N, C-alpha and C. Protein backbone atom coordinates (compact mmCIF):
# COMPACT_ATOMS: atom_id res chain seq x y z
N UNK A 1 2.78 43.23 -11.61
CA UNK A 1 1.39 43.01 -11.93
C UNK A 1 1.24 41.85 -12.90
N UNK A 2 2.09 41.85 -13.91
CA UNK A 2 2.06 40.80 -14.92
C UNK A 2 2.34 39.43 -14.29
N UNK A 3 3.30 39.39 -13.38
CA UNK A 3 3.65 38.16 -12.68
C UNK A 3 2.47 37.66 -11.83
N UNK A 4 1.79 38.57 -11.18
CA UNK A 4 0.64 38.20 -10.36
C UNK A 4 -0.48 37.64 -11.22
N UNK A 5 -0.73 38.26 -12.37
CA UNK A 5 -1.77 37.77 -13.28
C UNK A 5 -1.40 36.38 -13.83
N UNK A 6 -0.15 36.20 -14.17
CA UNK A 6 0.31 34.91 -14.67
C UNK A 6 0.15 33.84 -13.60
N UNK A 7 0.52 34.16 -12.37
CA UNK A 7 0.38 33.21 -11.27
C UNK A 7 -1.08 32.87 -11.04
N UNK A 8 -1.95 33.86 -11.06
CA UNK A 8 -3.38 33.62 -10.85
C UNK A 8 -3.94 32.75 -11.97
N UNK A 9 -3.52 33.00 -13.19
CA UNK A 9 -3.97 32.21 -14.33
C UNK A 9 -3.52 30.76 -14.19
N UNK A 10 -2.27 30.55 -13.80
CA UNK A 10 -1.73 29.20 -13.61
C UNK A 10 -2.48 28.46 -12.51
N UNK A 11 -2.74 29.15 -11.41
CA UNK A 11 -3.49 28.53 -10.32
C UNK A 11 -4.89 28.14 -10.76
N UNK A 12 -5.52 28.99 -11.54
CA UNK A 12 -6.86 28.69 -12.04
C UNK A 12 -6.82 27.47 -12.95
N UNK A 13 -5.86 27.41 -13.84
CA UNK A 13 -5.73 26.25 -14.73
C UNK A 13 -5.49 24.96 -13.95
N UNK A 14 -4.65 25.04 -12.93
CA UNK A 14 -4.36 23.86 -12.12
C UNK A 14 -5.59 23.40 -11.34
N UNK A 15 -6.44 24.32 -10.95
CA UNK A 15 -7.60 23.99 -10.14
C UNK A 15 -8.77 23.49 -10.98
N UNK A 16 -8.79 23.74 -12.29
CA UNK A 16 -9.92 23.36 -13.12
C UNK A 16 -10.25 21.87 -13.07
N UNK A 17 -9.27 20.97 -13.18
CA UNK A 17 -9.64 19.55 -13.12
C UNK A 17 -10.35 19.18 -11.82
N UNK A 18 -9.89 19.72 -10.73
CA UNK A 18 -10.51 19.42 -9.44
C UNK A 18 -11.93 20.00 -9.37
N UNK A 19 -12.11 21.18 -9.90
CA UNK A 19 -13.43 21.79 -9.88
C UNK A 19 -14.39 21.09 -10.83
N UNK A 20 -13.86 20.55 -11.93
CA UNK A 20 -14.70 19.89 -12.92
C UNK A 20 -15.21 18.54 -12.45
N UNK A 21 -14.47 17.91 -11.54
CA UNK A 21 -14.88 16.60 -11.06
C UNK A 21 -16.11 16.75 -10.17
N UNK A 22 -17.10 15.94 -10.46
CA UNK A 22 -18.27 15.92 -9.60
C UNK A 22 -17.98 14.94 -8.48
N UNK A 23 -18.23 15.36 -7.28
CA UNK A 23 -18.01 14.43 -6.17
C UNK A 23 -19.13 13.40 -6.17
N UNK A 24 -18.75 12.17 -5.96
CA UNK A 24 -19.71 11.08 -5.92
C UNK A 24 -20.48 11.16 -4.61
N UNK A 25 -21.76 10.85 -4.69
CA UNK A 25 -22.49 10.78 -3.42
C UNK A 25 -21.96 9.61 -2.62
N UNK A 26 -22.00 9.70 -1.31
CA UNK A 26 -21.51 8.59 -0.50
C UNK A 26 -22.31 7.32 -0.77
N UNK A 27 -21.64 6.18 -0.64
CA UNK A 27 -22.32 4.90 -0.76
C UNK A 27 -23.21 4.70 0.46
N UNK A 28 -24.25 3.95 0.27
CA UNK A 28 -25.02 3.53 1.44
C UNK A 28 -24.20 2.47 2.17
N UNK A 29 -24.53 2.23 3.41
CA UNK A 29 -23.81 1.20 4.16
C UNK A 29 -23.98 -0.16 3.49
N UNK A 30 -25.18 -0.43 2.93
CA UNK A 30 -25.41 -1.70 2.24
C UNK A 30 -24.51 -1.81 1.01
N UNK A 31 -24.39 -0.74 0.23
CA UNK A 31 -23.53 -0.76 -0.95
C UNK A 31 -22.08 -0.99 -0.55
N UNK A 32 -21.66 -0.35 0.51
CA UNK A 32 -20.29 -0.55 0.98
C UNK A 32 -20.06 -2.00 1.37
N UNK A 33 -20.98 -2.57 2.14
CA UNK A 33 -20.82 -3.97 2.56
C UNK A 33 -20.81 -4.90 1.36
N UNK A 34 -21.66 -4.64 0.36
CA UNK A 34 -21.67 -5.46 -0.86
C UNK A 34 -20.31 -5.40 -1.55
N UNK A 35 -19.78 -4.19 -1.69
CA UNK A 35 -18.49 -4.01 -2.35
C UNK A 35 -17.37 -4.66 -1.56
N UNK A 36 -17.37 -4.46 -0.26
CA UNK A 36 -16.32 -5.05 0.59
C UNK A 36 -16.39 -6.58 0.54
N UNK A 37 -17.59 -7.14 0.56
CA UNK A 37 -17.73 -8.59 0.52
C UNK A 37 -17.26 -9.15 -0.82
N UNK A 38 -17.62 -8.50 -1.92
CA UNK A 38 -17.16 -8.95 -3.24
C UNK A 38 -15.63 -8.90 -3.30
N UNK A 39 -15.07 -7.83 -2.77
CA UNK A 39 -13.61 -7.70 -2.76
C UNK A 39 -12.98 -8.83 -1.95
N UNK A 40 -13.51 -9.09 -0.79
CA UNK A 40 -12.97 -10.17 0.04
C UNK A 40 -13.03 -11.51 -0.68
N UNK A 41 -14.17 -11.82 -1.28
CA UNK A 41 -14.31 -13.11 -1.96
C UNK A 41 -13.36 -13.22 -3.15
N UNK A 42 -13.21 -12.14 -3.90
CA UNK A 42 -12.28 -12.15 -5.04
C UNK A 42 -10.85 -12.32 -4.54
N UNK A 43 -10.48 -11.61 -3.48
CA UNK A 43 -9.11 -11.71 -2.94
C UNK A 43 -8.82 -13.12 -2.43
N UNK A 44 -9.79 -13.75 -1.79
CA UNK A 44 -9.59 -15.12 -1.32
C UNK A 44 -9.38 -16.04 -2.52
N UNK A 45 -10.22 -15.89 -3.53
CA UNK A 45 -10.09 -16.75 -4.72
C UNK A 45 -8.75 -16.54 -5.41
N UNK A 46 -8.40 -15.28 -5.66
CA UNK A 46 -7.13 -14.99 -6.36
C UNK A 46 -5.92 -15.33 -5.49
N UNK A 47 -6.03 -15.15 -4.19
CA UNK A 47 -4.93 -15.52 -3.31
C UNK A 47 -4.66 -17.01 -3.34
N UNK A 48 -5.74 -17.80 -3.39
CA UNK A 48 -5.60 -19.25 -3.50
C UNK A 48 -5.01 -19.61 -4.85
N UNK A 49 -5.48 -18.94 -5.91
CA UNK A 49 -4.94 -19.18 -7.24
C UNK A 49 -3.46 -18.83 -7.31
N UNK A 50 -3.05 -17.76 -6.65
CA UNK A 50 -1.65 -17.33 -6.66
C UNK A 50 -0.74 -18.41 -6.09
N UNK A 51 -1.24 -19.16 -5.14
CA UNK A 51 -0.43 -20.22 -4.53
C UNK A 51 -0.15 -21.34 -5.52
N UNK A 52 -1.02 -21.51 -6.50
CA UNK A 52 -0.84 -22.55 -7.51
C UNK A 52 -0.22 -22.03 -8.79
N UNK A 53 -0.67 -20.87 -9.27
CA UNK A 53 -0.25 -20.38 -10.59
C UNK A 53 0.95 -19.46 -10.54
N UNK A 54 1.28 -18.93 -9.37
CA UNK A 54 2.41 -18.02 -9.27
C UNK A 54 3.73 -18.75 -9.41
N UNK A 55 4.76 -18.01 -9.80
CA UNK A 55 6.07 -18.65 -9.93
C UNK A 55 7.01 -18.30 -8.78
N UNK A 56 6.90 -17.10 -8.24
CA UNK A 56 7.83 -16.72 -7.17
C UNK A 56 7.24 -17.09 -5.81
N UNK A 57 8.12 -17.44 -4.90
CA UNK A 57 7.67 -17.77 -3.56
C UNK A 57 7.04 -16.56 -2.88
N UNK A 58 7.55 -15.37 -3.19
CA UNK A 58 6.97 -14.16 -2.62
C UNK A 58 5.52 -13.98 -3.01
N UNK A 59 5.19 -14.24 -4.27
CA UNK A 59 3.81 -14.12 -4.75
C UNK A 59 2.95 -15.20 -4.11
N UNK A 60 3.48 -16.40 -4.00
CA UNK A 60 2.74 -17.50 -3.37
C UNK A 60 2.43 -17.16 -1.90
N UNK A 61 3.43 -16.66 -1.20
CA UNK A 61 3.24 -16.28 0.21
C UNK A 61 2.27 -15.12 0.35
N UNK A 62 2.38 -14.15 -0.54
CA UNK A 62 1.48 -13.01 -0.54
C UNK A 62 0.04 -13.47 -0.78
N UNK A 63 -0.13 -14.36 -1.75
CA UNK A 63 -1.46 -14.90 -2.03
C UNK A 63 -2.04 -15.63 -0.83
N UNK A 64 -1.20 -16.38 -0.15
CA UNK A 64 -1.65 -17.09 1.05
C UNK A 64 -2.08 -16.10 2.14
N UNK A 65 -1.29 -15.04 2.32
CA UNK A 65 -1.63 -14.03 3.31
C UNK A 65 -2.95 -13.34 2.96
N UNK A 66 -3.12 -12.99 1.67
CA UNK A 66 -4.36 -12.32 1.27
C UNK A 66 -5.56 -13.24 1.44
N UNK A 67 -5.42 -14.49 1.07
CA UNK A 67 -6.54 -15.43 1.22
C UNK A 67 -6.93 -15.53 2.70
N UNK A 68 -5.95 -15.64 3.56
CA UNK A 68 -6.22 -15.75 5.00
C UNK A 68 -6.85 -14.46 5.55
N UNK A 69 -6.24 -13.32 5.23
CA UNK A 69 -6.71 -12.04 5.77
C UNK A 69 -8.11 -11.70 5.26
N UNK A 70 -8.36 -11.94 3.97
CA UNK A 70 -9.65 -11.57 3.41
C UNK A 70 -10.75 -12.56 3.80
N UNK A 71 -10.40 -13.81 4.09
CA UNK A 71 -11.39 -14.74 4.62
C UNK A 71 -11.80 -14.28 6.02
N UNK A 72 -10.82 -13.91 6.81
CA UNK A 72 -11.09 -13.40 8.16
C UNK A 72 -11.94 -12.13 8.08
N UNK A 73 -11.63 -11.26 7.13
CA UNK A 73 -12.38 -10.02 6.98
C UNK A 73 -13.82 -10.31 6.54
N UNK A 74 -14.00 -11.25 5.63
CA UNK A 74 -15.35 -11.60 5.18
C UNK A 74 -16.19 -12.10 6.37
N UNK A 75 -15.57 -12.87 7.22
CA UNK A 75 -16.28 -13.36 8.41
C UNK A 75 -16.66 -12.20 9.34
N UNK A 76 -15.78 -11.22 9.46
CA UNK A 76 -16.09 -10.03 10.27
C UNK A 76 -17.24 -9.25 9.62
N UNK A 77 -17.23 -9.18 8.29
CA UNK A 77 -18.32 -8.49 7.59
C UNK A 77 -19.66 -9.19 7.81
N UNK A 78 -19.64 -10.52 7.84
CA UNK A 78 -20.88 -11.26 8.08
C UNK A 78 -21.48 -10.87 9.43
N UNK A 79 -20.65 -10.83 10.46
CA UNK A 79 -21.13 -10.46 11.79
C UNK A 79 -21.62 -9.01 11.80
N UNK A 80 -20.88 -8.14 11.14
CA UNK A 80 -21.24 -6.73 11.07
C UNK A 80 -22.57 -6.54 10.34
N UNK A 81 -22.74 -7.22 9.23
CA UNK A 81 -23.98 -7.11 8.46
C UNK A 81 -25.16 -7.61 9.29
N UNK A 82 -24.98 -8.73 9.97
CA UNK A 82 -26.05 -9.27 10.79
C UNK A 82 -26.43 -8.29 11.89
N UNK A 83 -25.42 -7.73 12.53
CA UNK A 83 -25.66 -6.75 13.61
C UNK A 83 -26.41 -5.53 13.08
N UNK A 84 -26.10 -5.11 11.85
CA UNK A 84 -26.71 -3.92 11.27
C UNK A 84 -28.04 -4.22 10.57
N UNK A 85 -28.42 -5.49 10.52
CA UNK A 85 -29.66 -5.87 9.84
C UNK A 85 -29.53 -5.77 8.33
N UNK A 86 -28.32 -5.95 7.81
CA UNK A 86 -28.06 -5.88 6.38
C UNK A 86 -27.64 -7.27 5.89
N UNK A 87 -27.52 -7.43 4.59
CA UNK A 87 -27.14 -8.72 4.02
C UNK A 87 -25.82 -8.60 3.28
N UNK A 88 -25.19 -9.76 3.07
CA UNK A 88 -23.96 -9.82 2.29
C UNK A 88 -24.15 -10.79 1.13
N UNK A 89 -23.49 -10.51 0.02
CA UNK A 89 -23.49 -11.51 -1.04
C UNK A 89 -22.70 -12.73 -0.57
N UNK A 90 -23.07 -13.90 -1.06
CA UNK A 90 -22.40 -15.13 -0.65
C UNK A 90 -21.61 -15.76 -1.79
N UNK A 91 -21.63 -15.13 -2.95
CA UNK A 91 -20.88 -15.64 -4.10
C UNK A 91 -20.35 -14.46 -4.91
N UNK A 92 -19.29 -14.71 -5.63
CA UNK A 92 -18.70 -13.68 -6.49
C UNK A 92 -19.66 -13.43 -7.65
N UNK A 93 -19.95 -12.17 -7.92
CA UNK A 93 -20.88 -11.84 -8.99
C UNK A 93 -20.23 -11.99 -10.37
N UNK A 94 -21.08 -11.99 -11.41
CA UNK A 94 -20.60 -12.18 -12.79
C UNK A 94 -19.60 -11.11 -13.21
N UNK A 95 -19.84 -9.88 -12.78
CA UNK A 95 -18.94 -8.78 -13.15
C UNK A 95 -17.51 -9.05 -12.68
N UNK A 96 -17.36 -9.46 -11.43
CA UNK A 96 -16.03 -9.74 -10.90
C UNK A 96 -15.45 -11.02 -11.50
N UNK A 97 -16.29 -12.01 -11.75
CA UNK A 97 -15.81 -13.24 -12.38
C UNK A 97 -15.23 -12.96 -13.75
N UNK A 98 -15.93 -12.16 -14.54
CA UNK A 98 -15.48 -11.87 -15.91
C UNK A 98 -14.27 -10.94 -15.92
N UNK A 99 -14.32 -9.90 -15.11
CA UNK A 99 -13.28 -8.88 -15.16
C UNK A 99 -12.00 -9.27 -14.46
N UNK A 100 -12.10 -10.00 -13.36
CA UNK A 100 -10.90 -10.23 -12.55
C UNK A 100 -10.48 -11.69 -12.48
N UNK A 101 -11.42 -12.57 -12.28
CA UNK A 101 -11.05 -13.95 -12.04
C UNK A 101 -10.75 -14.69 -13.33
N UNK A 102 -11.64 -14.57 -14.30
CA UNK A 102 -11.46 -15.27 -15.57
C UNK A 102 -10.10 -15.03 -16.21
N UNK A 103 -9.71 -13.76 -16.40
CA UNK A 103 -8.41 -13.50 -17.03
C UNK A 103 -7.22 -14.08 -16.26
N UNK A 104 -7.32 -14.12 -14.94
CA UNK A 104 -6.19 -14.63 -14.15
C UNK A 104 -6.04 -16.14 -14.28
N UNK A 105 -7.12 -16.84 -14.57
CA UNK A 105 -7.05 -18.29 -14.73
C UNK A 105 -6.32 -18.70 -16.00
N UNK A 106 -6.10 -17.76 -16.90
CA UNK A 106 -5.40 -18.08 -18.16
C UNK A 106 -3.89 -17.89 -18.03
N UNK A 107 -3.44 -17.38 -16.90
CA UNK A 107 -2.02 -17.06 -16.73
C UNK A 107 -1.33 -18.04 -15.79
N UNK A 108 -0.06 -18.22 -16.01
CA UNK A 108 0.79 -19.06 -15.15
C UNK A 108 2.16 -18.41 -15.02
N UNK A 109 2.87 -18.79 -13.98
CA UNK A 109 4.26 -18.39 -13.82
C UNK A 109 4.48 -16.90 -13.71
N UNK A 110 5.54 -16.42 -14.37
CA UNK A 110 5.92 -15.01 -14.28
C UNK A 110 4.83 -14.09 -14.81
N UNK A 111 4.11 -14.51 -15.85
CA UNK A 111 3.02 -13.68 -16.39
C UNK A 111 1.92 -13.52 -15.33
N UNK A 112 1.63 -14.60 -14.62
CA UNK A 112 0.65 -14.52 -13.55
C UNK A 112 1.14 -13.58 -12.46
N UNK A 113 2.39 -13.76 -12.03
CA UNK A 113 2.95 -12.93 -10.96
C UNK A 113 2.81 -11.45 -11.29
N UNK A 114 3.19 -11.09 -12.51
CA UNK A 114 3.18 -9.68 -12.92
C UNK A 114 1.76 -9.12 -12.90
N UNK A 115 0.84 -9.81 -13.54
CA UNK A 115 -0.55 -9.33 -13.62
C UNK A 115 -1.21 -9.32 -12.24
N UNK A 116 -0.95 -10.35 -11.46
CA UNK A 116 -1.52 -10.44 -10.12
C UNK A 116 -1.07 -9.26 -9.26
N UNK A 117 0.21 -8.96 -9.27
CA UNK A 117 0.71 -7.85 -8.46
C UNK A 117 0.17 -6.51 -8.96
N UNK A 118 0.06 -6.35 -10.28
CA UNK A 118 -0.54 -5.13 -10.81
C UNK A 118 -1.97 -4.97 -10.31
N UNK A 119 -2.73 -6.06 -10.38
CA UNK A 119 -4.13 -6.03 -9.93
C UNK A 119 -4.22 -5.75 -8.43
N UNK A 120 -3.33 -6.33 -7.66
CA UNK A 120 -3.37 -6.14 -6.21
C UNK A 120 -3.01 -4.71 -5.83
N UNK A 121 -2.07 -4.12 -6.55
CA UNK A 121 -1.70 -2.73 -6.29
C UNK A 121 -2.88 -1.81 -6.61
N UNK A 122 -3.44 -1.97 -7.80
CA UNK A 122 -4.57 -1.13 -8.20
C UNK A 122 -5.78 -1.36 -7.29
N UNK A 123 -6.07 -2.61 -7.01
CA UNK A 123 -7.25 -2.93 -6.20
C UNK A 123 -7.14 -2.43 -4.77
N UNK A 124 -5.97 -2.59 -4.18
CA UNK A 124 -5.81 -2.13 -2.79
C UNK A 124 -5.78 -0.61 -2.72
N UNK A 125 -5.23 0.04 -3.72
CA UNK A 125 -5.26 1.51 -3.75
C UNK A 125 -6.71 2.00 -3.82
N UNK A 126 -7.53 1.36 -4.65
CA UNK A 126 -8.94 1.73 -4.74
C UNK A 126 -9.67 1.42 -3.44
N UNK A 127 -9.36 0.28 -2.83
CA UNK A 127 -10.02 -0.10 -1.58
C UNK A 127 -9.71 0.90 -0.48
N UNK A 128 -8.48 1.38 -0.43
CA UNK A 128 -8.10 2.35 0.60
C UNK A 128 -8.94 3.62 0.45
N UNK A 129 -9.12 4.09 -0.78
CA UNK A 129 -9.95 5.27 -1.00
C UNK A 129 -11.38 5.00 -0.55
N UNK A 130 -11.92 3.86 -0.91
CA UNK A 130 -13.29 3.49 -0.54
C UNK A 130 -13.45 3.40 0.98
N UNK A 131 -12.51 2.75 1.64
CA UNK A 131 -12.61 2.58 3.09
C UNK A 131 -12.43 3.90 3.82
N UNK A 132 -11.57 4.77 3.31
CA UNK A 132 -11.44 6.10 3.92
C UNK A 132 -12.75 6.87 3.81
N UNK A 133 -13.38 6.77 2.64
CA UNK A 133 -14.67 7.45 2.45
C UNK A 133 -15.71 6.88 3.40
N UNK A 134 -15.77 5.57 3.52
CA UNK A 134 -16.76 4.94 4.40
C UNK A 134 -16.47 5.26 5.86
N UNK A 135 -15.20 5.35 6.23
CA UNK A 135 -14.84 5.71 7.60
C UNK A 135 -15.35 7.12 7.93
N UNK A 136 -15.51 7.91 6.90
CA UNK A 136 -16.00 9.27 7.08
C UNK A 136 -17.52 9.36 6.94
N UNK A 137 -18.10 8.59 6.00
CA UNK A 137 -19.50 8.78 5.62
C UNK A 137 -20.49 7.74 6.15
N UNK A 138 -20.02 6.65 6.71
CA UNK A 138 -20.96 5.59 7.14
C UNK A 138 -21.98 6.14 8.12
N UNK A 139 -23.22 5.69 7.96
CA UNK A 139 -24.25 6.12 8.89
C UNK A 139 -24.27 5.23 10.13
N UNK A 140 -23.84 3.99 9.98
CA UNK A 140 -23.80 3.06 11.10
C UNK A 140 -22.44 3.17 11.79
N UNK A 141 -22.39 3.49 13.08
CA UNK A 141 -21.10 3.66 13.77
C UNK A 141 -20.24 2.39 13.75
N UNK A 142 -20.84 1.22 13.79
CA UNK A 142 -20.06 -0.02 13.76
C UNK A 142 -19.39 -0.21 12.39
N UNK A 143 -20.10 0.17 11.33
CA UNK A 143 -19.52 0.06 9.98
C UNK A 143 -18.42 1.10 9.81
N UNK A 144 -18.63 2.30 10.35
CA UNK A 144 -17.59 3.33 10.30
C UNK A 144 -16.33 2.84 11.03
N UNK A 145 -16.51 2.27 12.19
CA UNK A 145 -15.39 1.75 12.97
C UNK A 145 -14.68 0.62 12.23
N UNK A 146 -15.45 -0.27 11.65
CA UNK A 146 -14.87 -1.37 10.86
C UNK A 146 -13.98 -0.81 9.74
N UNK A 147 -14.49 0.18 9.00
CA UNK A 147 -13.72 0.76 7.89
C UNK A 147 -12.42 1.37 8.40
N UNK A 148 -12.50 2.11 9.50
CA UNK A 148 -11.30 2.74 10.08
C UNK A 148 -10.27 1.69 10.49
N UNK A 149 -10.73 0.63 11.14
CA UNK A 149 -9.82 -0.38 11.66
C UNK A 149 -9.27 -1.31 10.58
N UNK A 150 -9.90 -1.35 9.42
CA UNK A 150 -9.43 -2.21 8.33
C UNK A 150 -8.37 -1.50 7.48
N UNK A 151 -8.35 -0.19 7.51
CA UNK A 151 -7.41 0.57 6.67
C UNK A 151 -5.94 0.16 6.85
N UNK A 152 -5.42 -0.02 8.07
CA UNK A 152 -4.01 -0.40 8.19
C UNK A 152 -3.69 -1.74 7.49
N UNK A 153 -4.61 -2.68 7.53
CA UNK A 153 -4.38 -3.97 6.86
C UNK A 153 -4.33 -3.77 5.35
N UNK A 154 -5.26 -2.96 4.82
CA UNK A 154 -5.26 -2.70 3.38
C UNK A 154 -3.97 -1.99 2.96
N UNK A 155 -3.51 -1.06 3.78
CA UNK A 155 -2.26 -0.36 3.46
C UNK A 155 -1.08 -1.32 3.48
N UNK A 156 -1.07 -2.25 4.44
CA UNK A 156 0.01 -3.25 4.48
C UNK A 156 -0.03 -4.12 3.23
N UNK A 157 -1.23 -4.54 2.83
CA UNK A 157 -1.35 -5.35 1.61
C UNK A 157 -0.81 -4.59 0.40
N UNK A 158 -1.14 -3.30 0.31
CA UNK A 158 -0.65 -2.48 -0.80
C UNK A 158 0.86 -2.36 -0.74
N UNK A 159 1.40 -2.06 0.42
CA UNK A 159 2.86 -1.92 0.56
C UNK A 159 3.58 -3.21 0.21
N UNK A 160 3.05 -4.34 0.65
CA UNK A 160 3.67 -5.63 0.34
C UNK A 160 3.65 -5.92 -1.16
N UNK A 161 2.52 -5.62 -1.82
CA UNK A 161 2.43 -5.85 -3.26
C UNK A 161 3.41 -4.95 -4.01
N UNK A 162 3.53 -3.70 -3.57
CA UNK A 162 4.47 -2.79 -4.22
C UNK A 162 5.91 -3.25 -4.03
N UNK A 163 6.23 -3.76 -2.85
CA UNK A 163 7.58 -4.29 -2.60
C UNK A 163 7.86 -5.47 -3.50
N UNK A 164 6.91 -6.37 -3.62
CA UNK A 164 7.10 -7.53 -4.49
C UNK A 164 7.24 -7.10 -5.95
N UNK A 165 6.46 -6.13 -6.37
CA UNK A 165 6.52 -5.65 -7.76
C UNK A 165 7.88 -5.04 -8.06
N UNK A 166 8.46 -4.36 -7.07
CA UNK A 166 9.79 -3.76 -7.25
C UNK A 166 10.91 -4.78 -7.12
N UNK A 167 10.55 -6.01 -6.79
CA UNK A 167 11.57 -7.05 -6.67
C UNK A 167 12.24 -7.11 -5.32
N UNK A 168 11.73 -6.35 -4.36
CA UNK A 168 12.31 -6.39 -3.02
C UNK A 168 11.65 -7.53 -2.24
N UNK A 169 12.36 -8.08 -1.29
CA UNK A 169 11.71 -9.09 -0.46
C UNK A 169 10.55 -8.46 0.30
N UNK A 170 9.49 -9.19 0.38
CA UNK A 170 8.31 -8.70 1.08
C UNK A 170 8.55 -8.66 2.57
N UNK A 171 8.09 -7.61 3.25
CA UNK A 171 8.25 -7.54 4.70
C UNK A 171 7.58 -8.71 5.40
N UNK A 172 6.55 -9.33 4.78
CA UNK A 172 5.85 -10.43 5.44
C UNK A 172 6.71 -11.67 5.53
N UNK A 173 7.78 -11.76 4.68
CA UNK A 173 8.62 -12.95 4.71
C UNK A 173 9.88 -12.76 5.54
N UNK A 174 10.00 -11.60 6.14
CA UNK A 174 11.20 -11.32 6.95
C UNK A 174 10.98 -11.72 8.38
């Protein structure tokens, strides 16, 4: 009996953080497109910067891949937004400029590589969560499909950044 009570108490304690979290309401399709577009524009900018400020060839190649992939994705978002009767931002907002772009412009070489990979790991992990949610919650079927089909690319970007951070050769260069 004592063991059962202890187990029940432990389970309750473990579940409290999950129960305490309030689930966020789903984003609107417009909010998702705004966020995705800002992410794409930031990734293109930072990917281009990585080619100049990075020290390792792996980081330079990764930056080039991200710039290319996210430019292509932004173009897909433009078509998707137009089809859905929604709009996209056309410039990086002040929040992203101050928080992400500005600090990276002060770094060069190994310091840039380290911070860039940290940011790419964190950013792509967050993007995967966002895109999974949108793949589930989007009201527009085309936006839902876009989110579902973009997830494998985001996962590849995350895996490549993690490989580079661990010092392993990136699969993209093999």
